[in-house]
């Protein structure tokens, strides 16, 4: 019997500007650039997970055997 594994992809967002503004409200991030925010979002870390859990709503999106976490700013 074949088993199908689901693959979870990196987080994606539908509202980069809203999340970037929320990112800049965190202490020490006031002058961070959009590029620095991109680096923060593309490198897995506990800080990124905490940020997304507190500043965004996760909506799972399924496509074949992929599970994508799409984040919307709150």
Protein backbone atom coordinates (compact mmCIF):
# COMPACT_ATOMS: atom_id res chain seq x y z
CA UNK A 1 0.00 0.00 0.00
CA UNK A 2 1.38 3.41 -0.96
CA UNK A 3 1.29 6.14 1.63
CA UNK A 4 1.00 9.77 0.61
CA UNK A 5 2.97 12.23 2.67
CA UNK A 6 1.94 15.84 3.01
CA UNK A 7 4.65 18.45 2.64
CA UNK A 8 4.39 21.71 4.54
CA UNK A 9 5.82 24.68 2.64
CA UNK A 10 7.33 27.90 3.96
CA UNK A 11 4.81 30.48 5.18
CA UNK A 12 3.27 32.84 2.66
CA UNK A 13 1.25 35.98 3.16
CA UNK A 14 -1.45 37.85 1.34
CA UNK A 15 -0.69 41.14 3.11
CA UNK A 16 3.04 41.90 3.21
CA UNK A 17 2.56 45.60 3.99
CA UNK A 18 0.42 44.98 7.07
CA UNK A 19 2.83 42.39 8.46
CA UNK A 20 5.83 44.61 7.67
CA UNK A 21 4.26 47.47 9.62
CA UNK A 22 3.56 45.10 12.55
CA UNK A 23 7.18 43.90 12.37
CA UNK A 24 8.45 47.48 12.63
CA UNK A 25 6.45 48.04 15.84
CA UNK A 26 8.56 45.44 17.66
CA UNK A 27 11.35 46.88 19.85
CA UNK A 28 14.53 47.36 17.84
CA UNK A 29 12.81 46.98 14.46
CA UNK A 30 11.66 50.58 13.97
CA UNK A 31 14.21 51.29 11.22
CA UNK A 32 14.35 47.81 9.66
CA UNK A 33 14.04 47.69 5.88
CA UNK A 34 11.67 45.60 3.81
CA UNK A 35 14.68 43.48 2.83
CA UNK A 36 15.44 42.79 6.51
CA UNK A 37 11.81 41.83 7.00
CA UNK A 38 12.06 39.46 4.02
CA UNK A 39 15.13 37.83 5.59
CA UNK A 40 13.27 37.49 8.89
CA UNK A 41 10.31 35.84 7.17
CA UNK A 42 12.32 33.43 5.02
CA UNK A 43 14.58 32.01 7.74
CA UNK A 44 12.83 29.62 10.17
CA UNK A 45 13.15 30.72 13.80
CA UNK A 46 11.21 30.70 17.05
CA UNK A 47 11.03 34.51 16.79
CA UNK A 48 9.37 34.28 13.38
CA UNK A 49 6.92 31.65 14.67
CA UNK A 50 6.02 33.85 17.65
CA UNK A 51 5.62 36.90 15.41
CA UNK A 52 3.28 35.06 13.05
CA UNK A 53 1.26 33.56 15.91
CA UNK A 54 0.76 36.98 17.51
CA UNK A 55 0.44 39.27 14.47
CA UNK A 56 -1.24 37.10 11.82
CA UNK A 57 -4.00 34.60 11.27
CA UNK A 58 -3.03 31.31 9.65
CA UNK A 59 -5.21 29.83 6.94
CA UNK A 60 -4.13 26.38 5.74
CA UNK A 61 -4.28 25.91 1.97
CA UNK A 62 -4.19 22.39 0.54
CA UNK A 63 -2.98 21.55 -2.96
CA UNK A 64 -2.45 17.89 -3.78
CA UNK A 65 0.01 16.70 -1.14
CA UNK A 66 1.18 20.20 -0.15
CA UNK A 67 -0.03 22.11 2.89
CA UNK A 68 0.67 25.83 2.69
CA UNK A 69 0.32 28.16 5.65
CA UNK A 70 -1.05 31.44 4.32
CA UNK A 71 -0.83 34.27 6.85
CA UNK A 72 -3.09 37.30 6.88
CA UNK A 73 -2.24 40.31 9.00
CA UNK A 74 -4.60 41.04 11.88
